[in-house]
Amino acid sequence: MTIASEISCTRNGCAGKMEFSRGCGAWVCYECDEHKGLCRCYCGWSVSGGNGYEELEEMGEYIEEDY
């Protein structure tokens, strides 16, 4: 069984390709920065345009310092 290394971006209007990011644990488009299936990410990305890392902390998430 082969695992895809790229998939088409799911964001409307983007023709980019998504690759699986081991750091984020999600499919990420390097054209538009969409993170498939996430609203915010430890890397700092957020669908709202804010800082996903800070949003997660404000929601009470514990983020290990080695991330």
PDB file of N, CA and C in Angstrom:
ATOM      1  N   MET A   1       0.835  -1.175   0.000  1.00  0.00           N
ATOM      2  CA  MET A   1       0.000   0.000   0.000  1.00  0.00           C
ATOM      3  C   MET A   1       0.887   1.248   0.000  1.00  0.00           C
ATOM      4  N   THR A   2       0.579   2.178  -0.866  1.00  0.00           N
ATOM      5  CA  THR A   2       1.325   3.417  -0.981  1.00  0.00           C
ATOM      6  C   THR A   2       0.519   4.554  -0.381  1.00  0.00           C
ATOM      7  N   ILE A   3       1.182   5.388   0.394  1.00  0.00           N
ATOM      8  CA  ILE A   3       0.548   6.553   0.985  1.00  0.00           C
ATOM      9  C   ILE A   3       0.868   7.755   0.108  1.00  0.00           C
ATOM     10  N   ALA A   4      -0.142   8.566  -0.192  1.00  0.00           N
ATOM     11  CA  ALA A   4       0.044   9.739  -1.044  1.00  0.00           C
ATOM     12  C   ALA A   4       1.014  10.716  -0.395  1.00  0.00           C
ATOM     13  N   SER A   5       1.877  11.308  -1.212  1.00  0.00           N
ATOM     14  CA  SER A   5       2.791  12.319  -0.689  1.00  0.00           C
ATOM     15  C   SER A   5       2.236  13.723  -0.892  1.00  0.00           C
ATOM     16  N   GLU A   6       1.250  13.853  -1.779  1.00  0.00           N
ATOM     17  CA  GLU A   6       0.595  15.125  -2.038  1.00  0.00           C
ATOM     18  C   GLU A   6      -0.879  14.895  -2.314  1.00  0.00           C
ATOM     19  N   ILE A   7      -1.701  15.858  -1.917  1.00  0.00           N
ATOM     20  CA  ILE A   7      -3.110  15.854  -2.284  1.00  0.00           C
ATOM     21  C   ILE A   7      -3.462  17.266  -2.722  1.00  0.00           C
ATOM     22  N   SER A   8      -4.555  17.421  -3.442  1.00  0.00           N
ATOM     23  CA  SER A   8      -4.999  18.752  -3.858  1.00  0.00           C
ATOM     24  C   SER A   8      -5.497  19.529  -2.649  1.00  0.00           C
ATOM     25  N   CYS A   9      -5.243  20.825  -2.652  1.00  0.00           N
ATOM     26  CA  CYS A   9      -5.693  21.686  -1.555  1.00  0.00           C
ATOM     27  C   CYS A   9      -7.215  21.702  -1.509  1.00  0.00           C
ATOM     28  N   THR A  10      -7.763  21.722  -0.314  1.00  0.00           N
ATOM     29  CA  THR A  10      -9.204  21.701  -0.108  1.00  0.00           C
ATOM     30  C   THR A  10      -9.817  23.099  -0.012  1.00  0.00           C
ATOM     31  N   ARG A  11      -9.001  24.128   0.023  1.00  0.00           N
ATOM     32  CA  ARG A  11      -9.503  25.502   0.149  1.00  0.00           C
ATOM     33  C   ARG A  11     -10.008  25.984  -1.206  1.00  0.00           C
ATOM     34  N   ASN A  12     -11.208  26.547  -1.227  1.00  0.00           N
ATOM     35  CA  ASN A  12     -11.786  27.059  -2.469  1.00  0.00           C
ATOM     36  C   ASN A  12     -10.878  28.122  -3.087  1.00  0.00           C
ATOM     37  N   GLY A  13     -10.640  28.005  -4.380  1.00  0.00           N
ATOM     38  CA  GLY A  13      -9.847  28.985  -5.096  1.00  0.00           C
ATOM     39  C   GLY A  13      -8.355  28.741  -5.084  1.00  0.00           C
ATOM     40  N   CYS A  14      -7.880  27.774  -4.319  1.00  0.00           N
ATOM     41  CA  CYS A  14      -6.453  27.476  -4.271  1.00  0.00           C
ATOM     42  C   CYS A  14      -6.170  26.271  -5.160  1.00  0.00           C
ATOM     43  N   ALA A  15      -5.163  26.389  -5.980  1.00  0.00           N
ATOM     44  CA  ALA A  15      -4.771  25.277  -6.858  1.00  0.00           C
ATOM     45  C   ALA A  15      -3.510  24.600  -6.348  1.00  0.00           C
ATOM     46  N   GLY A  16      -3.152  24.868  -5.096  1.00  0.00           N
ATOM     47  CA  GLY A  16      -1.932  24.310  -4.524  1.00  0.00           C
ATOM     48  C   GLY A  16      -2.068  22.843  -4.163  1.00  0.00           C
ATOM     49  N   LYS A  17      -0.956  22.280  -3.767  1.00  0.00           N
ATOM     50  CA  LYS A  17      -0.891  20.890  -3.320  1.00  0.00           C
ATOM     51  C   LYS A  17      -0.582  20.868  -1.831  1.00  0.00           C
ATOM     52  N   MET A  18      -1.195  19.920  -1.144  1.00  0.00           N
ATOM     53  CA  MET A  18      -0.957  19.758   0.291  1.00  0.00           C
ATOM     54  C   MET A  18       0.027  18.612   0.512  1.00  0.00           C
ATOM     55  N   GLU A  19       0.908  18.805   1.460  1.00  0.00           N
ATOM     56  CA  GLU A  19       1.838  17.769   1.891  1.00  0.00           C
ATOM     57  C   GLU A  19       1.611  17.535   3.376  1.00  0.00           C
ATOM     58  N   PHE A  20       1.854  16.306   3.837  1.00  0.00           N
ATOM     59  CA  PHE A  20       1.667  16.013   5.252  1.00  0.00           C
ATOM     60  C   PHE A  20       2.838  16.582   6.037  1.00  0.00           C
ATOM     61  N   SER A  21       2.527  17.412   7.031  1.00  0.00           N
ATOM     62  CA  SER A  21       3.545  18.017   7.890  1.00  0.00           C
ATOM     63  C   SER A  21       3.646  17.212   9.177  1.00  0.00           C
ATOM     64  N   ARG A  22       4.802  16.660   9.428  1.00  0.00           N
ATOM     65  CA  ARG A  22       4.998  15.913  10.676  1.00  0.00           C
ATOM     66  C   ARG A  22       4.967  16.838  11.888  1.00  0.00           C
ATOM     67  N   GLY A  23       5.386  18.077  11.717  1.00  0.00           N
ATOM     68  CA  GLY A  23       5.369  19.037  12.818  1.00  0.00           C
ATOM     69  C   GLY A  23       3.955  19.423  13.228  1.00  0.00           C
ATOM     70  N   CYS A  24       3.082  19.588  12.245  1.00  0.00           N
ATOM     71  CA  CYS A  24       1.698  19.975  12.514  1.00  0.00           C
ATOM     72  C   CYS A  24       0.797  18.761  12.705  1.00  0.00           C
ATOM     73  N   GLY A  25       1.174  17.647  12.119  1.00  0.00           N
ATOM     74  CA  GLY A  25       0.325  16.459  12.181  1.00  0.00           C
ATOM     75  C   GLY A  25      -0.899  16.589  11.300  1.00  0.00           C
ATOM     76  N   ALA A  26      -0.792  17.389  10.244  1.00  0.00           N
ATOM     77  CA  ALA A  26      -1.920  17.638   9.351  1.00  0.00           C
ATOM     78  C   ALA A  26      -1.403  17.844   7.933  1.00  0.00           C
ATOM     79  N   TRP A  27      -2.327  17.773   6.976  1.00  0.00           N
ATOM     80  CA  TRP A  27      -2.015  18.124   5.598  1.00  0.00           C
ATOM     81  C   TRP A  27      -1.974  19.639   5.507  1.00  0.00           C
ATOM     82  N   VAL A  28      -0.888  20.201   4.967  1.00  0.00           N
ATOM     83  CA  VAL A  28      -0.694  21.646   4.892  1.00  0.00           C
ATOM     84  C   VAL A  28      -0.422  22.048   3.449  1.00  0.00           C
ATOM     85  N   CYS A  29      -1.108  23.098   3.004  1.00  0.00           N
ATOM     86  CA  CYS A  29      -0.871  23.650   1.673  1.00  0.00           C
ATOM     87  C   CYS A  29       0.185  24.737   1.798  1.00  0.00           C
ATOM     88  N   TYR A  30       1.251  24.607   1.045  1.00  0.00           N
ATOM     89  CA  TYR A  30       2.311  25.600   1.127  1.00  0.00           C
ATOM     90  C   TYR A  30       2.083  26.778   0.185  1.00  0.00           C
ATOM     91  N   GLU A  31       0.944  26.779  -0.525  1.00  0.00           N
ATOM     92  CA  GLU A  31       0.548  27.935  -1.329  1.00  0.00           C
ATOM     93  C   GLU A  31      -0.283  28.907  -0.490  1.00  0.00           C
ATOM     94  N   CYS A  32      -1.330  28.377   0.192  1.00  0.00           N
ATOM     95  CA  CYS A  32      -2.246  29.249   0.944  1.00  0.00           C
ATOM     96  C   CYS A  32      -2.179  29.023   2.457  1.00  0.00           C
ATOM     97  N   ASP A  33      -1.397  28.063   2.908  1.00  0.00           N
ATOM     98  CA  ASP A  33      -1.177  27.758   4.331  1.00  0.00           C
ATOM     99  C   ASP A  33      -2.365  27.062   4.999  1.00  0.00           C
ATOM    100  N   GLU A  34      -3.359  26.618   4.236  1.00  0.00           N
ATOM    101  CA  GLU A  34      -4.504  25.883   4.790  1.00  0.00           C
ATOM    102  C   GLU A  34      -4.006  24.625   5.514  1.00  0.00           C
ATOM    103  N   HIS A  35      -4.590  24.310   6.659  1.00  0.00           N
ATOM    104  CA  HIS A  35      -4.305  23.100   7.421  1.00  0.00           C
ATOM    105  C   HIS A  35      -5.581  22.258   7.406  1.00  0.00           C
ATOM    106  N   LYS A  36      -5.593  21.215   6.614  1.00  0.00           N
ATOM    107  CA  LYS A  36      -6.807  20.413   6.413  1.00  0.00           C
ATOM    108  C   LYS A  36      -7.309  19.839   7.742  1.00  0.00           C
ATOM    109  N   GLY A  37      -8.559  20.145   8.062  1.00  0.00           N
ATOM    110  CA  GLY A  37      -9.201  19.593   9.246  1.00  0.00           C
ATOM    111  C   GLY A  37      -8.915  20.319  10.548  1.00  0.00           C
ATOM    112  N   LEU A  38      -8.124  21.403  10.513  1.00  0.00           N
ATOM    113  CA  LEU A  38      -7.804  22.126  11.740  1.00  0.00           C
ATOM    114  C   LEU A  38      -8.380  23.538  11.717  1.00  0.00           C
ATOM    115  N   CYS A  39      -8.644  24.069  12.907  1.00  0.00           N
ATOM    116  CA  CYS A  39      -9.038  25.470  13.053  1.00  0.00           C
ATOM    117  C   CYS A  39      -7.855  26.309  13.513  1.00  0.00           C
ATOM    118  N   ARG A  40      -6.942  25.682  14.229  1.00  0.00           N
ATOM    119  CA  ARG A  40      -5.733  26.351  14.713  1.00  0.00           C
ATOM    120  C   ARG A  40      -4.669  25.281  14.937  1.00  0.00           C
ATOM    121  N   CYS A  41      -3.415  25.702  14.934  1.00  0.00           N
ATOM    122  CA  CYS A  41      -2.317  24.731  15.011  1.00  0.00           C
ATOM    123  C   CYS A  41      -1.220  25.231  15.944  1.00  0.00           C
ATOM    124  N   TYR A  42      -0.476  24.303  16.489  1.00  0.00           N
ATOM    125  CA  TYR A  42       0.648  24.628  17.365  1.00  0.00           C
ATOM    126  C   TYR A  42       1.725  25.437  16.662  1.00  0.00           C
ATOM    127  N   CYS A  43       1.786  25.350  15.323  1.00  0.00           N
ATOM    128  CA  CYS A  43       2.798  26.106  14.577  1.00  0.00           C
ATOM    129  C   CYS A  43       2.485  27.597  14.537  1.00  0.00           C
ATOM    130  N   GLY A  44       1.273  27.989  14.936  1.00  0.00           N
ATOM    131  CA  GLY A  44       0.883  29.395  14.945  1.00  0.00           C
ATOM    132  C   GLY A  44      -0.191  29.730  13.929  1.00  0.00           C
ATOM    133  N   TRP A  45      -0.492  28.803  13.014  1.00  0.00           N
ATOM    134  CA  TRP A  45      -1.524  29.041  12.007  1.00  0.00           C
ATOM    135  C   TRP A  45      -2.903  28.962  12.645  1.00  0.00           C
ATOM    136  N   SER A  46      -3.817  29.817  12.161  1.00  0.00           N
ATOM    137  CA  SER A  46      -5.198  29.798  12.613  1.00  0.00           C
ATOM    138  C   SER A  46      -6.098  30.204  11.452  1.00  0.00           C
ATOM    139  N   VAL A  47      -7.239  29.537  11.322  1.00  0.00           N
ATOM    140  CA  VAL A  47      -8.180  29.871  10.265  1.00  0.00           C
ATOM    141  C   VAL A  47      -8.693  31.300  10.423  1.00  0.00           C
ATOM    142  N   SER A  48      -8.691  31.824  11.635  1.00  0.00           N
ATOM    143  CA  SER A  48      -9.151  33.191  11.901  1.00  0.00           C
ATOM    144  C   SER A  48      -8.121  34.237  11.499  1.00  0.00           C
ATOM    145  N   GLY A  49      -6.892  33.804  11.243  1.00  0.00           N
ATOM    146  CA  GLY A  49      -5.819  34.742  10.919  1.00  0.00           C
ATOM    147  C   GLY A  49      -5.025  35.182  12.132  1.00  0.00           C
ATOM    148  N   GLY A  50      -5.464  34.748  13.316  1.00  0.00           N
ATOM    149  CA  GLY A  50      -4.756  35.075  14.549  1.00  0.00           C
ATOM    150  C   GLY A  50      -3.578  34.135  14.782  1.00  0.00           C
ATOM    151  N   ASN A  51      -3.097  34.096  15.984  1.00  0.00           N
ATOM    152  CA  ASN A  51      -1.993  33.214  16.353  1.00  0.00           C
ATOM    153  C   ASN A  51      -2.563  31.937  16.951  1.00  0.00           C
ATOM    154  N   GLY A  52      -2.502  30.855  16.200  1.00  0.00           N
ATOM    155  CA  GLY A  52      -3.064  29.581  16.636  1.00  0.00           C
ATOM    156  C   GLY A  52      -2.449  29.056  17.920  1.00  0.00           C
ATOM    157  N   TYR A  53      -1.156  29.263  18.092  1.00  0.00           N
ATOM    158  CA  TYR A  53      -0.460  28.818  19.305  1.00  0.00           C
ATOM    159  C   TYR A  53      -1.051  29.514  20.533  1.00  0.00           C
ATOM    160  N   GLU A  54      -1.200  30.828  20.442  1.00  0.00           N
ATOM    161  CA  GLU A  54      -1.761  31.594  21.562  1.00  0.00           C
ATOM    162  C   GLU A  54      -3.231  31.231  21.789  1.00  0.00           C
ATOM    163  N   GLU A  55      -3.982  31.033  20.705  1.00  0.00           N
ATOM    164  CA  GLU A  55      -5.387  30.653  20.836  1.00  0.00           C
ATOM    165  C   GLU A  55      -5.524  29.320  21.568  1.00  0.00           C
ATOM    166  N   LEU A  56      -4.673  28.370  21.246  1.00  0.00           N
ATOM    167  CA  LEU A  56      -4.722  27.077  21.924  1.00  0.00           C
ATOM    168  C   LEU A  56      -4.412  27.224  23.412  1.00  0.00           C
ATOM    169  N   GLU A  57      -3.400  28.024  23.744  1.00  0.00           N
ATOM    170  CA  GLU A  57      -3.069  28.256  25.152  1.00  0.00           C
ATOM    171  C   GLU A  57      -4.231  28.916  25.886  1.00  0.00           C
ATOM    172  N   GLU A  58      -4.881  29.890  25.243  1.00  0.00           N
ATOM    173  CA  GLU A  58      -6.017  30.575  25.862  1.00  0.00           C
ATOM    174  C   GLU A  58      -7.189  29.625  26.096  1.00  0.00           C
ATOM    175  N   MET A  59      -7.283  28.582  25.277  1.00  0.00           N
ATOM    176  CA  MET A  59      -8.346  27.594  25.423  1.00  0.00           C
ATOM    177  C   MET A  59      -8.003  26.550  26.486  1.00  0.00           C
ATOM    178  N   GLY A  60      -6.799  26.674  27.086  1.00  0.00           N
ATOM    179  CA  GLY A  60      -6.412  25.764  28.145  1.00  0.00           C
ATOM    180  C   GLY A  60      -5.571  24.583  27.697  1.00  0.00           C
ATOM    181  N   GLU A  61      -5.132  24.587  26.439  1.00  0.00           N
ATOM    182  CA  GLU A  61      -4.274  23.503  25.956  1.00  0.00           C
ATOM    183  C   GLU A  61      -2.895  23.619  26.569  1.00  0.00           C
ATOM    184  N   TYR A  62      -2.344  22.491  26.949  1.00  0.00           N
ATOM    185  CA  TYR A  62      -0.979  22.455  27.443  1.00  0.00           C
ATOM    186  C   TYR A  62      -0.079  22.110  26.261  1.00  0.00           C
ATOM    187  N   ILE A  63       0.910  22.955  25.982  1.00  0.00           N
ATOM    188  CA  ILE A  63       1.824  22.743  24.868  1.00  0.00           C
ATOM    189  C   ILE A  63       3.205  22.513  25.446  1.00  0.00           C
ATOM    190  N   GLU A  64       3.771  21.341  25.160  1.00  0.00           N
ATOM    191  CA  GLU A  64       5.100  21.018  25.679  1.00  0.00           C
ATOM    192  C   GLU A  64       6.122  21.985  25.109  1.00  0.00           C
ATOM    193  N   GLU A  65       7.107  22.330  25.917  1.00  0.00           N
ATOM    194  CA  GLU A  65       8.083  23.331  25.522  1.00  0.00           C
ATOM    195  C   GLU A  65       8.995  22.876  24.397  1.00  0.00           C
ATOM    196  N   ASP A  66       9.140  21.584  24.178  1.00  0.00           N
ATOM    197  CA  ASP A  66      10.037  21.127  23.115  1.00  0.00           C
ATOM    198  C   ASP A  66       9.407  21.192  21.742  1.00  0.00           C
ATOM    199  N   TYR A  67       8.116  21.610  21.666  1.00  0.00           N
ATOM    200  CA  TYR A  67       7.500  21.770  20.360  1.00  0.00           C
ATOM    201  C   TYR A  67       8.069  22.976  19.727  1.00  0.00           C
TER     202      TYR A  67
END
